[in-house]
Amino acid sequence: MVLAARKLHVSDDVRRRIEDCSSAETLDHWLVRAATAASADDIFED
């Protein structure tokens, strides 16, 4: 939702990866990164 609100393209692969994740810790980490990421793929980079 954050990525969409920022008008960043979310590919089917990215959407599936997020939806399939069951780790609250990982999702929290991605959420924080989504706030400043230049692209949807950037949320997964460390």
C-alpha atoms as a PDB file:
ATOM      1  CA  MET A   1       0.000   0.000   0.000  1.00  0.00           C
ATOM      2  CA  VAL A   2       2.868   2.361   0.763  1.00  0.00           C
ATOM      3  CA  LEU A   3       4.460   1.694  -2.617  1.00  0.00           C
ATOM      4  CA  ALA A   4       1.155   2.296  -4.407  1.00  0.00           C
ATOM      5  CA  ALA A   5       0.552   5.490  -2.430  1.00  0.00           C
ATOM      6  CA  ARG A   6       3.971   6.693  -3.564  1.00  0.00           C
ATOM      7  CA  LYS A   7       2.963   5.850  -7.151  1.00  0.00           C
ATOM      8  CA  LEU A   8       5.758   3.288  -7.541  1.00  0.00           C
ATOM      9  CA  HIS A   9       5.194   0.421  -9.959  1.00  0.00           C
ATOM     10  CA  VAL A  10       4.732  -2.902  -8.154  1.00  0.00           C
ATOM     11  CA  SER A  11       5.346  -5.895 -10.398  1.00  0.00           C
ATOM     12  CA  ASP A  12       3.456  -9.141  -9.947  1.00  0.00           C
ATOM     13  CA  ASP A  13       6.662 -10.755  -8.633  1.00  0.00           C
ATOM     14  CA  VAL A  14       7.152  -8.065  -5.984  1.00  0.00           C
ATOM     15  CA  ARG A  15       3.487  -8.181  -4.979  1.00  0.00           C
ATOM     16  CA  ARG A  16       3.625 -11.983  -4.697  1.00  0.00           C
ATOM     17  CA  ARG A  17       6.821 -11.872  -2.610  1.00  0.00           C
ATOM     18  CA  ILE A  18       5.249  -9.415  -0.167  1.00  0.00           C
ATOM     19  CA  GLU A  19       1.954 -11.303   0.028  1.00  0.00           C
ATOM     20  CA  ASP A  20       3.707 -14.649   0.553  1.00  0.00           C
ATOM     21  CA  CYS A  21       5.885 -13.382   3.410  1.00  0.00           C
ATOM     22  CA  SER A  22       4.720 -14.594   6.825  1.00  0.00           C
ATOM     23  CA  SER A  23       7.443 -12.943   8.925  1.00  0.00           C
ATOM     24  CA  ALA A  24       6.178  -9.863  10.741  1.00  0.00           C
ATOM     25  CA  GLU A  25       9.780  -8.762  11.313  1.00  0.00           C
ATOM     26  CA  THR A  26      10.580  -8.931   7.588  1.00  0.00           C
ATOM     27  CA  LEU A  27       7.358  -7.143   6.653  1.00  0.00           C
ATOM     28  CA  ASP A  28       8.137  -4.381   9.156  1.00  0.00           C
ATOM     29  CA  HIS A  29      11.615  -4.013   7.659  1.00  0.00           C
ATOM     30  CA  TRP A  30      10.202  -3.808   4.125  1.00  0.00           C
ATOM     31  CA  LEU A  31       7.557  -1.300   5.239  1.00  0.00           C
ATOM     32  CA  VAL A  32      10.195   1.073   6.589  1.00  0.00           C
ATOM     33  CA  ARG A  33      12.210   0.713   3.387  1.00  0.00           C
ATOM     34  CA  ALA A  34       9.092   1.292   1.255  1.00  0.00           C
ATOM     35  CA  ALA A  35       8.804   4.775   2.710  1.00  0.00           C
ATOM     36  CA  THR A  36      12.017   5.914   0.995  1.00  0.00           C
ATOM     37  CA  ALA A  37      12.751   3.343  -1.737  1.00  0.00           C
ATOM     38  CA  ALA A  38      13.321   4.640  -5.254  1.00  0.00           C
ATOM     39  CA  SER A  39      11.595   1.548  -6.667  1.00  0.00           C
ATOM     40  CA  ALA A  40       9.585  -1.382  -5.356  1.00  0.00           C
ATOM     41  CA  ASP A  41      12.541  -3.715  -5.916  1.00  0.00           C
ATOM     42  CA  ASP A  42      14.681  -1.545  -3.618  1.00  0.00           C
ATOM     43  CA  ILE A  43      12.787  -2.661  -0.506  1.00  0.00           C
ATOM     44  CA  PHE A  44      14.483  -6.068  -0.745  1.00  0.00           C
ATOM     45  CA  GLU A  45      18.064  -4.783  -1.013  1.00  0.00           C
ATOM     46  CA  ASP A  46      20.183  -4.676   2.113  1.00  0.00           C
END
